[in-house]
PDB file of N, CA and C in Angstrom:
ATOM      1  N   MET A   1      18.791  -1.641  55.400  1.00  0.00           N
ATOM      2  CA  MET A   1      18.951  -2.453  54.232  1.00  0.00           C
ATOM      3  C   MET A   1      18.484  -1.720  52.986  1.00  0.00           C
ATOM      4  N   PHE A   2      17.331  -1.048  53.075  1.00  0.00           N
ATOM      5  CA  PHE A   2      16.841  -0.298  51.937  1.00  0.00           C
ATOM      6  C   PHE A   2      17.724   0.890  51.615  1.00  0.00           C
ATOM      7  N   SER A   3      18.392   1.403  52.578  1.00  0.00           N
ATOM      8  CA  SER A   3      19.261   2.555  52.325  1.00  0.00           C
ATOM      9  C   SER A   3      20.420   2.179  51.414  1.00  0.00           C
ATOM     10  N   LEU A   4      20.886   0.937  51.443  1.00  0.00           N
ATOM     11  CA  LEU A   4      21.949   0.500  50.526  1.00  0.00           C
ATOM     12  C   LEU A   4      21.459   0.491  49.080  1.00  0.00           C
ATOM     13  N   PHE A   5      20.240   0.024  48.873  1.00  0.00           N
ATOM     14  CA  PHE A   5      19.700  -0.009  47.518  1.00  0.00           C
ATOM     15  C   PHE A   5      19.407   1.392  47.000  1.00  0.00           C
ATOM     16  N   LEU A   6      18.927   2.243  47.870  1.00  0.00           N
ATOM     17  CA  LEU A   6      18.625   3.604  47.448  1.00  0.00           C
ATOM     18  C   LEU A   6      19.899   4.375  47.127  1.00  0.00           C
ATOM     19  N   ASP A   7      20.946   4.143  47.867  1.00  0.00           N
ATOM     20  CA  ASP A   7      22.202   4.834  47.610  1.00  0.00           C
ATOM     21  C   ASP A   7      22.857   4.335  46.326  1.00  0.00           C
ATOM     22  N   ALA A   8      22.646   3.081  45.984  1.00  0.00           N
ATOM     23  CA  ALA A   8      23.304   2.518  44.817  1.00  0.00           C
ATOM     24  C   ALA A   8      22.530   2.777  43.523  1.00  0.00           C
ATOM     25  N   ALA A   9      21.325   3.331  43.609  1.00  0.00           N
ATOM     26  CA  ALA A   9      20.525   3.567  42.408  1.00  0.00           C
ATOM     27  C   ALA A   9      21.164   4.669  41.568  1.00  0.00           C
ATOM     28  N   PRO A  10      21.260   4.466  40.238  1.00  0.00           N
ATOM     29  CA  PRO A  10      21.827   5.489  39.372  1.00  0.00           C
ATOM     30  C   PRO A  10      20.889   6.689  39.248  1.00  0.00           C
ATOM     31  N   ALA A  11      21.430   7.785  38.873  1.00  0.00           N
ATOM     32  CA  ALA A  11      20.659   9.022  38.771  1.00  0.00           C
ATOM     33  C   ALA A  11      20.148   9.220  37.344  1.00  0.00           C
ATOM     34  N   SER A  12      19.786   8.144  36.668  1.00  0.00           N
ATOM     35  CA  SER A  12      19.296   8.255  35.292  1.00  0.00           C
ATOM     36  C   SER A  12      17.794   7.989  35.254  1.00  0.00           C
ATOM     37  N   PHE A  13      17.227   7.884  34.075  1.00  0.00           N
ATOM     38  CA  PHE A  13      15.788   7.741  33.886  1.00  0.00           C
ATOM     39  C   PHE A  13      15.346   6.311  34.144  1.00  0.00           C
ATOM     40  N   GLY A  14      15.168   5.922  35.353  1.00  0.00           N
ATOM     41  CA  GLY A  14      14.674   4.598  35.701  1.00  0.00           C
ATOM     42  C   GLY A  14      15.554   3.477  35.205  1.00  0.00           C
ATOM     43  N   GLY A  15      16.832   3.635  35.211  1.00  0.00           N
ATOM     44  CA  GLY A  15      17.728   2.596  34.765  1.00  0.00           C
ATOM     45  C   GLY A  15      18.162   2.758  33.314  1.00  0.00           C
ATOM     46  N   LEU A  16      17.580   3.657  32.582  1.00  0.00           N
ATOM     47  CA  LEU A  16      17.971   3.910  31.188  1.00  0.00           C
ATOM     48  C   LEU A  16      18.741   5.222  31.121  1.00  0.00           C
ATOM     49  N   ASP A  17      19.872   5.199  30.479  1.00  0.00           N
ATOM     50  CA  ASP A  17      20.566   6.470  30.326  1.00  0.00           C
ATOM     51  C   ASP A  17      20.111   7.125  29.026  1.00  0.00           C
ATOM     52  N   GLN A  18      20.578   8.313  28.783  1.00  0.00           N
ATOM     53  CA  GLN A  18      20.084   9.131  27.677  1.00  0.00           C
ATOM     54  C   GLN A  18      20.357   8.499  26.306  1.00  0.00           C
ATOM     55  N   ILE A  19      21.438   7.814  26.135  1.00  0.00           N
ATOM     56  CA  ILE A  19      21.762   7.213  24.841  1.00  0.00           C
ATOM     57  C   ILE A  19      20.772   6.098  24.518  1.00  0.00           C
ATOM     58  N   GLN A  20      20.400   5.302  25.499  1.00  0.00           N
ATOM     59  CA  GLN A  20      19.423   4.238  25.252  1.00  0.00           C
ATOM     60  C   GLN A  20      18.064   4.827  24.871  1.00  0.00           C
ATOM     61  N   ILE A  21      17.680   5.908  25.510  1.00  0.00           N
ATOM     62  CA  ILE A  21      16.412   6.562  25.176  1.00  0.00           C
ATOM     63  C   ILE A  21      16.465   7.113  23.755  1.00  0.00           C
ATOM     64  N   LEU A  22      17.580   7.694  23.359  1.00  0.00           N
ATOM     65  CA  LEU A  22      17.725   8.192  21.987  1.00  0.00           C
ATOM     66  C   LEU A  22      17.680   7.055  20.975  1.00  0.00           C
ATOM     67  N   LEU A  23      18.289   5.920  21.284  1.00  0.00           N
ATOM     68  CA  LEU A  23      18.259   4.772  20.377  1.00  0.00           C
ATOM     69  C   LEU A  23      16.837   4.224  20.212  1.00  0.00           C
ATOM     70  N   ILE A  24      16.104   4.126  21.300  1.00  0.00           N
ATOM     71  CA  ILE A  24      14.724   3.649  21.222  1.00  0.00           C
ATOM     72  C   ILE A  24      13.869   4.643  20.438  1.00  0.00           C
ATOM     73  N   GLY A  25      14.058   5.917  20.681  1.00  0.00           N
ATOM     74  CA  GLY A  25      13.334   6.942  19.918  1.00  0.00           C
ATOM     75  C   GLY A  25      13.692   6.896  18.444  1.00  0.00           C
ATOM     76  N   GLY A  26      14.964   6.698  18.142  1.00  0.00           N
ATOM     77  CA  GLY A  26      15.402   6.581  16.748  1.00  0.00           C
ATOM     78  C   GLY A  26      14.799   5.372  16.062  1.00  0.00           C
ATOM     79  N   ALA A  27      14.635   4.289  16.807  1.00  0.00           N
ATOM     80  CA  ALA A  27      14.014   3.094  16.233  1.00  0.00           C
ATOM     81  C   ALA A  27      12.557   3.362  15.870  1.00  0.00           C
ATOM     82  N   PHE A  28      11.832   4.066  16.725  1.00  0.00           N
ATOM     83  CA  PHE A  28      10.442   4.397  16.416  1.00  0.00           C
ATOM     84  C   PHE A  28      10.344   5.348  15.221  1.00  0.00           C
ATOM     85  N   VAL A  29      11.236   6.301  15.133  1.00  0.00           N
ATOM     86  CA  VAL A  29      11.237   7.227  13.989  1.00  0.00           C
ATOM     87  C   VAL A  29      11.540   6.473  12.701  1.00  0.00           C
ATOM     88  N   SER A  30      12.513   5.571  12.727  1.00  0.00           N
ATOM     89  CA  SER A  30      12.843   4.814  11.518  1.00  0.00           C
ATOM     90  C   SER A  30      11.702   3.877  11.128  1.00  0.00           C
ATOM     91  N   LEU A  31      11.028   3.257  12.091  1.00  0.00           N
ATOM     92  CA  LEU A  31       9.861   2.431  11.777  1.00  0.00           C
ATOM     93  C   LEU A  31       8.777   3.249  11.098  1.00  0.00           C
ATOM     94  N   TYR A  32       8.580   4.468  11.555  1.00  0.00           N
ATOM     95  CA  TYR A  32       7.577   5.333  10.937  1.00  0.00           C
ATOM     96  C   TYR A  32       7.937   5.613   9.475  1.00  0.00           C
ATOM     97  N   PHE A  33       9.191   5.996   9.223  1.00  0.00           N
ATOM     98  CA  PHE A  33       9.577   6.370   7.863  1.00  0.00           C
ATOM     99  C   PHE A  33       9.705   5.173   6.930  1.00  0.00           C
ATOM    100  N   PHE A  34      10.011   3.992   7.436  1.00  0.00           N
ATOM    101  CA  PHE A  34      10.185   2.833   6.574  1.00  0.00           C
ATOM    102  C   PHE A  34       8.948   1.955   6.457  1.00  0.00           C
ATOM    103  N   LEU A  35       8.018   2.024   7.409  1.00  0.00           N
ATOM    104  CA  LEU A  35       6.843   1.154   7.364  1.00  0.00           C
ATOM    105  C   LEU A  35       5.522   1.915   7.271  1.00  0.00           C
ATOM    106  N   VAL A  36       5.275   2.813   8.172  1.00  0.00           N
ATOM    107  CA  VAL A  36       3.969   3.455   8.262  1.00  0.00           C
ATOM    108  C   VAL A  36       3.759   4.442   7.118  1.00  0.00           C
ATOM    109  N   ARG A  37       4.689   5.302   6.890  1.00  0.00           N
ATOM    110  CA  ARG A  37       4.539   6.349   5.876  1.00  0.00           C
ATOM    111  C   ARG A  37       4.385   5.789   4.463  1.00  0.00           C
ATOM    112  N   PRO A  38       5.223   4.842   4.014  1.00  0.00           N
ATOM    113  CA  PRO A  38       5.019   4.297   2.667  1.00  0.00           C
ATOM    114  C   PRO A  38       3.689   3.560   2.516  1.00  0.00           C
ATOM    115  N   GLN A  39       3.245   2.886   3.563  1.00  0.00           N
ATOM    116  CA  GLN A  39       1.975   2.180   3.484  1.00  0.00           C
ATOM    117  C   GLN A  39       0.821   3.171   3.353  1.00  0.00           C
ATOM    118  N   ALA A  40       0.866   4.269   4.081  1.00  0.00           N
ATOM    119  CA  ALA A  40      -0.181   5.289   3.974  1.00  0.00           C
ATOM    120  C   ALA A  40      -0.168   5.923   2.588  1.00  0.00           C
ATOM    121  N   LYS A  41       1.014   6.149   2.043  1.00  0.00           N
ATOM    122  CA  LYS A  41       1.134   6.730   0.700  1.00  0.00           C
ATOM    123  C   LYS A  41       0.551   5.782  -0.341  1.00  0.00           C
ATOM    124  N   LYS A  42       0.833   4.490  -0.209  1.00  0.00           N
ATOM    125  CA  LYS A  42       0.324   3.496  -1.150  1.00  0.00           C
ATOM    126  C   LYS A  42      -1.204   3.413  -1.065  1.00  0.00           C
ATOM    127  N   ALA A  43      -1.759   3.468   0.130  1.00  0.00           N
ATOM    128  CA  ALA A  43      -3.205   3.422   0.305  1.00  0.00           C
ATOM    129  C   ALA A  43      -3.869   4.643  -0.324  1.00  0.00           C
ATOM    130  N   LYS A  44      -3.244   5.793  -0.191  1.00  0.00           N
ATOM    131  CA  LYS A  44      -3.774   7.020  -0.788  1.00  0.00           C
ATOM    132  C   LYS A  44      -3.740   6.930  -2.311  1.00  0.00           C
ATOM    133  N   GLU A  45      -2.649   6.413  -2.882  1.00  0.00           N
ATOM    134  CA  GLU A  45      -2.550   6.251  -4.330  1.00  0.00           C
ATOM    135  C   GLU A  45      -3.593   5.261  -4.835  1.00  0.00           C
ATOM    136  N   GLN A  46      -3.822   4.176  -4.101  1.00  0.00           N
ATOM    137  CA  GLN A  46      -4.813   3.181  -4.494  1.00  0.00           C
ATOM    138  C   GLN A  46      -6.212   3.784  -4.479  1.00  0.00           C
ATOM    139  N   ALA A  47      -6.521   4.604  -3.481  1.00  0.00           N
ATOM    140  CA  ALA A  47      -7.834   5.241  -3.407  1.00  0.00           C
ATOM    141  C   ALA A  47      -8.021   6.208  -4.577  1.00  0.00           C
ATOM    142  N   ASN A  48      -6.987   6.988  -4.905  1.00  0.00           N
ATOM    143  CA  ASN A  48      -7.071   7.906  -6.040  1.00  0.00           C
ATOM    144  C   ASN A  48      -7.217   7.137  -7.341  1.00  0.00           C
ATOM    145  N   TYR A  49      -6.511   6.025  -7.470  1.00  0.00           N
ATOM    146  CA  TYR A  49      -6.576   5.200  -8.671  1.00  0.00           C
ATOM    147  C   TYR A  49      -7.983   4.653  -8.869  1.00  0.00           C
ATOM    148  N   GLN A  50      -8.605   4.188  -7.801  1.00  0.00           N
ATOM    149  CA  GLN A  50      -9.938   3.622  -7.914  1.00  0.00           C
ATOM    150  C   GLN A  50     -10.973   4.678  -8.283  1.00  0.00           C
ATOM    151  N   GLU A  51     -10.719   5.922  -7.928  1.00  0.00           N
ATOM    152  CA  GLU A  51     -11.640   6.999  -8.290  1.00  0.00           C
ATOM    153  C   GLU A  51     -11.538   7.356  -9.774  1.00  0.00           C
ATOM    154  N   THR A  52     -10.377   7.117 -10.400  1.00  0.00           N
ATOM    155  CA  THR A  52     -10.177   7.502 -11.789  1.00  0.00           C
ATOM    156  C   THR A  52     -10.601   6.417 -12.775  1.00  0.00           C
ATOM    157  N   LEU A  53     -11.019   5.258 -12.296  1.00  0.00           N
ATOM    158  CA  LEU A  53     -11.457   4.189 -13.188  1.00  0.00           C
ATOM    159  C   LEU A  53     -12.738   4.593 -13.912  1.00  0.00           C
ATOM    160  N   SER A  54     -12.876   4.107 -15.140  1.00  0.00           N
ATOM    161  CA  SER A  54     -14.086   4.400 -15.896  1.00  0.00           C
ATOM    162  C   SER A  54     -14.506   3.165 -16.684  1.00  0.00           C
ATOM    163  N   THR A  55     -15.694   3.218 -17.227  1.00  0.00           N
ATOM    164  CA  THR A  55     -16.223   2.107 -18.008  1.00  0.00           C
ATOM    165  C   THR A  55     -15.357   1.892 -19.246  1.00  0.00           C
ATOM    166  N   GLY A  56     -15.026   0.645 -19.511  1.00  0.00           N
ATOM    167  CA  GLY A  56     -14.211   0.303 -20.669  1.00  0.00           C
ATOM    168  C   GLY A  56     -12.753   0.055 -20.351  1.00  0.00           C
ATOM    169  N   ASP A  57     -12.311   0.380 -19.139  1.00  0.00           N
ATOM    170  CA  ASP A  57     -10.921   0.144 -18.748  1.00  0.00           C
ATOM    171  C   ASP A  57     -10.694  -1.348 -18.533  1.00  0.00           C
ATOM    172  N   LYS A  58      -9.552  -1.823 -18.999  1.00  0.00           N
ATOM    173  CA  LYS A  58      -9.171  -3.214 -18.755  1.00  0.00           C
ATOM    174  C   LYS A  58      -8.429  -3.268 -17.428  1.00  0.00           C
ATOM    175  N   VAL A  59      -8.842  -4.191 -16.553  1.00  0.00           N
ATOM    176  CA  VAL A  59      -8.286  -4.245 -15.203  1.00  0.00           C
ATOM    177  C   VAL A  59      -7.914  -5.673 -14.832  1.00  0.00           C
ATOM    178  N   VAL A  60      -7.103  -5.789 -13.777  1.00  0.00           N
ATOM    179  CA  VAL A  60      -6.760  -7.072 -13.168  1.00  0.00           C
ATOM    180  C   VAL A  60      -7.227  -7.017 -11.722  1.00  0.00           C
ATOM    181  N   MET A  61      -7.942  -8.063 -11.303  1.00  0.00           N
ATOM    182  CA  MET A  61      -8.434  -8.127  -9.943  1.00  0.00           C
ATOM    183  C   MET A  61      -7.343  -8.695  -9.033  1.00  0.00           C
ATOM    184  N   ASN A  62      -7.521  -8.578  -7.736  1.00  0.00           N
ATOM    185  CA  ASN A  62      -6.567  -9.140  -6.772  1.00  0.00           C
ATOM    186  C   ASN A  62      -6.428 -10.646  -6.924  1.00  0.00           C
ATOM    187  N   SER A  63      -7.461 -11.300  -7.390  1.00  0.00           N
ATOM    188  CA  SER A  63      -7.426 -12.741  -7.572  1.00  0.00           C
ATOM    189  C   SER A  63      -6.674 -13.143  -8.832  1.00  0.00           C
ATOM    190  N   GLY A  64      -6.347 -12.181  -9.691  1.00  0.00           N
ATOM    191  CA  GLY A  64      -5.646 -12.466 -10.930  1.00  0.00           C
ATOM    192  C   GLY A  64      -6.565 -12.498 -12.136  1.00  0.00           C
ATOM    193  N   MET A  65      -7.845 -12.309 -11.947  1.00  0.00           N
ATOM    194  CA  MET A  65      -8.807 -12.345 -13.040  1.00  0.00           C
ATOM    195  C   MET A  65      -8.707 -11.062 -13.873  1.00  0.00           C
ATOM    196  N   HIS A  66      -8.650 -11.221 -15.185  1.00  0.00           N
ATOM    197  CA  HIS A  66      -8.587 -10.092 -16.107  1.00  0.00           C
ATOM    198  C   HIS A  66      -9.974  -9.836 -16.665  1.00  0.00           C
ATOM    199  N   GLY A  67     -10.276  -8.571 -16.925  1.00  0.00           N
ATOM    200  CA  GLY A  67     -11.562  -8.249 -17.520  1.00  0.00           C
ATOM    201  C   GLY A  67     -11.655  -6.787 -17.877  1.00  0.00           C
ATOM    202  N   LYS A  68     -12.801  -6.416 -18.398  1.00  0.00           N
ATOM    203  CA  LYS A  68     -13.061  -5.041 -18.803  1.00  0.00           C
ATOM    204  C   LYS A  68     -14.246  -4.528 -18.002  1.00  0.00           C
ATOM    205  N   ILE A  69     -14.169  -3.287 -17.524  1.00  0.00           N
ATOM    206  CA  ILE A  69     -15.241  -2.713 -16.721  1.00  0.00           C
ATOM    207  C   ILE A  69     -16.445  -2.467 -17.621  1.00  0.00           C
ATOM    208  N   ALA A  70     -17.561  -3.114 -17.288  1.00  0.00           N
ATOM    209  CA  ALA A  70     -18.783  -2.958 -18.071  1.00  0.00           C
ATOM    210  C   ALA A  70     -19.731  -1.944 -17.425  1.00  0.00           C
ATOM    211  N   LYS A  71     -19.751  -1.902 -16.096  1.00  0.00           N
ATOM    212  CA  LYS A  71     -20.664  -1.018 -15.378  1.00  0.00           C
ATOM    213  C   LYS A  71     -20.047  -0.668 -14.034  1.00  0.00           C
ATOM    214  N   MET A  72     -20.268   0.558 -13.597  1.00  0.00           N
ATOM    215  CA  MET A  72     -19.723   0.991 -12.305  1.00  0.00           C
ATOM    216  C   MET A  72     -20.822   1.592 -11.449  1.00  0.00           C
ATOM    217  N   ASP A  73     -20.795   1.251 -10.172  1.00  0.00           N
ATOM    218  CA  ASP A  73     -21.651   1.877  -9.173  1.00  0.00           C
ATOM    219  C   ASP A  73     -20.738   2.620  -8.203  1.00  0.00           C
ATOM    220  N   GLU A  74     -21.300   3.089  -7.099  1.00  0.00           N
ATOM    221  CA  GLU A  74     -20.485   3.807  -6.120  1.00  0.00           C
ATOM    222  C   GLU A  74     -19.411   2.918  -5.509  1.00  0.00           C
ATOM    223  N   LYS A  75     -19.794   1.699  -5.109  1.00  0.00           N
ATOM    224  CA  LYS A  75     -18.863   0.809  -4.420  1.00  0.00           C
ATOM    225  C   LYS A  75     -18.575  -0.477  -5.187  1.00  0.00           C
ATOM    226  N   THR A  76     -19.349  -0.761  -6.222  1.00  0.00           N
ATOM    227  CA  THR A  76     -19.171  -2.012  -6.948  1.00  0.00           C
ATOM    228  C   THR A  76     -18.845  -1.759  -8.416  1.00  0.00           C
ATOM    229  N   VAL A  77     -18.279  -2.776  -9.046  1.00  0.00           N
ATOM    230  CA  VAL A  77     -17.891  -2.734 -10.448  1.00  0.00           C
ATOM    231  C   VAL A  77     -18.338  -4.048 -11.083  1.00  0.00           C
ATOM    232  N   THR A  78     -18.916  -3.959 -12.271  1.00  0.00           N
ATOM    233  CA  THR A  78     -19.256  -5.162 -13.015  1.00  0.00           C
ATOM    234  C   THR A  78     -18.191  -5.358 -14.080  1.00  0.00           C
ATOM    235  N   ILE A  79     -17.513  -6.507 -14.025  1.00  0.00           N
ATOM    236  CA  ILE A  79     -16.408  -6.819 -14.923  1.00  0.00           C
ATOM    237  C   ILE A  79     -16.885  -7.826 -15.967  1.00  0.00           C
ATOM    238  N   GLU A  80     -16.614  -7.534 -17.229  1.00  0.00           N
ATOM    239  CA  GLU A  80     -16.916  -8.480 -18.295  1.00  0.00           C
ATOM    240  C   GLU A  80     -15.651  -9.298 -18.545  1.00  0.00           C
ATOM    241  N   VAL A  81     -15.700 -10.580 -18.210  1.00  0.00           N
ATOM    242  CA  VAL A  81     -14.520 -11.432 -18.331  1.00  0.00           C
ATOM    243  C   VAL A  81     -14.502 -12.200 -19.644  1.00  0.00           C
ATOM    244  N   ASP A  82     -15.668 -12.340 -20.281  1.00  0.00           N
ATOM    245  CA  ASP A  82     -15.780 -12.994 -21.579  1.00  0.00           C
ATOM    246  C   ASP A  82     -17.063 -12.475 -22.217  1.00  0.00           C
ATOM    247  N   THR A  83     -17.332 -12.869 -23.429  1.00  0.00           N
ATOM    248  CA  THR A  83     -18.542 -12.417 -24.094  1.00  0.00           C
ATOM    249  C   THR A  83     -19.762 -12.870 -23.304  1.00  0.00           C
ATOM    250  N   ASN A  84     -20.573 -11.900 -22.906  1.00  0.00           N
ATOM    251  CA  ASN A  84     -21.801 -12.133 -22.122  1.00  0.00           C
ATOM    252  C   ASN A  84     -21.557 -12.821 -20.783  1.00  0.00           C
ATOM    253  N   VAL A  85     -20.353 -12.715 -20.235  1.00  0.00           N
ATOM    254  CA  VAL A  85     -20.061 -13.231 -18.898  1.00  0.00           C
ATOM    255  C   VAL A  85     -19.617 -12.049 -18.044  1.00  0.00           C
ATOM    256  N   ARG A  86     -20.471 -11.676 -17.108  1.00  0.00           N
ATOM    257  CA  ARG A  86     -20.189 -10.509 -16.263  1.00  0.00           C
ATOM    258  C   ARG A  86     -20.210 -10.924 -14.798  1.00  0.00           C
ATOM    259  N   MET A  87     -19.264 -10.341 -14.058  1.00  0.00           N
ATOM    260  CA  MET A  87     -19.155 -10.638 -12.626  1.00  0.00           C
ATOM    261  C   MET A  87     -19.105  -9.321 -11.864  1.00  0.00           C
ATOM    262  N   LYS A  88     -19.712  -9.312 -10.690  1.00  0.00           N
ATOM    263  CA  LYS A  88     -19.780  -8.097  -9.879  1.00  0.00           C
ATOM    264  C   LYS A  88     -18.777  -8.187  -8.725  1.00  0.00           C
ATOM    265  N   PHE A  89     -17.961  -7.147  -8.563  1.00  0.00           N
ATOM    266  CA  PHE A  89     -16.950  -7.079  -7.508  1.00  0.00           C
ATOM    267  C   PHE A  89     -17.026  -5.729  -6.807  1.00  0.00           C
ATOM    268  N   GLU A  90     -16.393  -5.652  -5.650  1.00  0.00           N
ATOM    269  CA  GLU A  90     -16.211  -4.363  -4.992  1.00  0.00           C
ATOM    270  C   GLU A  90     -15.022  -3.664  -5.620  1.00  0.00           C
ATOM    271  N   LYS A  91     -15.039  -2.332  -5.621  1.00  0.00           N
ATOM    272  CA  LYS A  91     -13.950  -1.560  -6.231  1.00  0.00           C
ATOM    273  C   LYS A  91     -12.607  -1.840  -5.576  1.00  0.00           C
ATOM    274  N   GLY A  92     -12.606  -2.146  -4.309  1.00  0.00           N
ATOM    275  CA  GLY A  92     -11.367  -2.368  -3.578  1.00  0.00           C
ATOM    276  C   GLY A  92     -10.579  -3.571  -4.047  1.00  0.00           C
ATOM    277  N   TYR A  93     -11.211  -4.471  -4.799  1.00  0.00           N
ATOM    278  CA  TYR A  93     -10.528  -5.679  -5.255  1.00  0.00           C
ATOM    279  C   TYR A  93      -9.835  -5.496  -6.606  1.00  0.00           C
ATOM    280  N   ILE A  94      -9.914  -4.299  -7.179  1.00  0.00           N
ATOM    281  CA  ILE A  94      -9.201  -4.046  -8.432  1.00  0.00           C
ATOM    282  C   ILE A  94      -7.753  -3.735  -8.092  1.00  0.00           C
ATOM    283  N   ASN A  95      -6.836  -4.464  -8.732  1.00  0.00           N
ATOM    284  CA  ASN A  95      -5.419  -4.347  -8.420  1.00  0.00           C
ATOM    285  C   ASN A  95      -4.713  -3.353  -9.330  1.00  0.00           C
ATOM    286  N   MET A  96      -4.878  -3.494 -10.649  1.00  0.00           N
ATOM    287  CA  MET A  96      -4.204  -2.592 -11.574  1.00  0.00           C
ATOM    288  C   MET A  96      -4.986  -2.480 -12.858  1.00  0.00           C
ATOM    289  N   GLU A  97      -4.662  -1.450 -13.610  1.00  0.00           N
ATOM    290  CA  GLU A  97      -5.326  -1.201 -14.879  1.00  0.00           C
ATOM    291  C   GLU A  97      -4.396  -1.595 -16.015  1.00  0.00           C
ATOM    292  N   LEU A  98      -4.954  -2.179 -17.056  1.00  0.00           N
ATOM    293  CA  LEU A  98      -4.160  -2.619 -18.190  1.00  0.00           C
ATOM    294  C   LEU A  98      -4.439  -1.825 -19.453  1.00  0.00           C
ATOM    295  N   SER A  99      -5.148  -0.714 -19.340  1.00  0.00           N
ATOM    296  CA  SER A  99      -5.460   0.083 -20.522  1.00  0.00           C
ATOM    297  C   SER A  99      -4.194   0.634 -21.147  1.00  0.00           C
ATOM    298  N   LYS A 100      -4.213   0.783 -22.456  1.00  0.00           N
ATOM    299  CA  LYS A 100      -3.037   1.267 -23.180  1.00  0.00           C
ATOM    300  C   LYS A 100      -2.697   2.710 -22.814  1.00  0.00           C
ATOM    301  N   ALA A 101      -3.686   3.498 -22.427  1.00  0.00           N
ATOM    302  CA  ALA A 101      -3.419   4.897 -22.101  1.00  0.00           C
ATOM    303  C   ALA A 101      -2.531   5.025 -20.872  1.00  0.00           C
ATOM    304  N   ILE A 102      -2.685   4.121 -19.918  1.00  0.00           N
ATOM    305  CA  ILE A 102      -1.905   4.211 -18.689  1.00  0.00           C
ATOM    306  C   ILE A 102      -0.648   3.360 -18.778  1.00  0.00           C
ATOM    307  N   ASN A 103      -0.756   2.160 -19.317  1.00  0.00           N
ATOM    308  CA  ASN A 103       0.378   1.246 -19.420  1.00  0.00           C
ATOM    309  C   ASN A 103       0.656   0.945 -20.893  1.00  0.00           C
ATOM    310  N   PRO A 104       1.370   1.831 -21.597  1.00  0.00           N
ATOM    311  CA  PRO A 104       1.623   1.568 -23.008  1.00  0.00           C
ATOM    312  C   PRO A 104       2.519   0.345 -23.188  1.00  0.00           C
ATOM    313  N   THR A 105       2.340  -0.334 -24.299  1.00  0.00           N
ATOM    314  CA  THR A 105       3.144  -1.510 -24.558  1.00  0.00           C
ATOM    315  C   THR A 105       4.579  -1.107 -24.820  1.00  0.00           C
ATOM    316  N   ALA A 106       5.505  -1.948 -24.455  1.00  0.00           N
ATOM    317  CA  ALA A 106       6.923  -1.643 -24.602  1.00  0.00           C
ATOM    318  C   ALA A 106       7.316  -1.773 -26.073  1.00  0.00           C
ATOM    319  N   THR A 107       8.094  -0.829 -26.538  1.00  0.00           N
ATOM    320  CA  THR A 107       8.589  -0.907 -27.900  1.00  0.00           C
ATOM    321  C   THR A 107       9.991  -1.473 -27.853  1.00  0.00           C
ATOM    322  N   PRO A 108      10.337  -2.356 -28.778  1.00  0.00           N
ATOM    323  CA  PRO A 108      11.681  -2.948 -28.742  1.00  0.00           C
ATOM    324  C   PRO A 108      12.752  -1.906 -29.055  1.00  0.00           C
ATOM    325  N   THR A 109      13.831  -1.984 -28.331  1.00  0.00           N
ATOM    326  CA  THR A 109      14.951  -1.075 -28.551  1.00  0.00           C
ATOM    327  C   THR A 109      15.987  -1.764 -29.425  1.00  0.00           C
ATOM    328  N   GLU A 110      17.008  -1.014 -29.821  1.00  0.00           N
ATOM    329  CA  GLU A 110      18.051  -1.582 -30.663  1.00  0.00           C
ATOM    330  C   GLU A 110      18.796  -2.698 -29.918  1.00  0.00           C
ATOM    331  N   LYS A 111      18.877  -2.581 -28.626  1.00  0.00           N
ATOM    332  CA  LYS A 111      19.562  -3.593 -27.824  1.00  0.00           C
ATOM    333  C   LYS A 111      18.808  -4.928 -27.856  1.00  0.00           C
ATOM    334  N   ASP A 112      17.449  -4.846 -27.916  1.00  0.00           N
ATOM    335  CA  ASP A 112      16.638  -6.059 -27.930  1.00  0.00           C
ATOM    336  C   ASP A 112      16.655  -6.760 -29.283  1.00  0.00           C
ATOM    337  N   LYS A 113      16.951  -6.040 -30.360  1.00  0.00           N
ATOM    338  CA  LYS A 113      16.909  -6.617 -31.706  1.00  0.00           C
ATOM    339  C   LYS A 113      18.031  -7.514 -31.995  1.00  0.00           C
TER     340      LYS A 113
END
């Protein structure tokens, strides 16, 4: 009885032929290039961005709070959100910078006029 099953077994890789293995491999390669690689690049850019912050930069936190950097430590930042109102956050919670040097204001073009 077992000899019938053994004779009928295909000579491929455990039931998968070469095209299926290539398709599965291609799916993993595409997942790497479309998901893993861009996320790693974004994390690297965010880390570099946080290193370039300095006192006086206007920033937006992940929560949406706007403020100006009043004091910086190694891992924390003190944000001045209003006159004499300061809050302490971790550097990782800064989302973007609003300083004019990095994000200049848009000038109206002839099309907008």
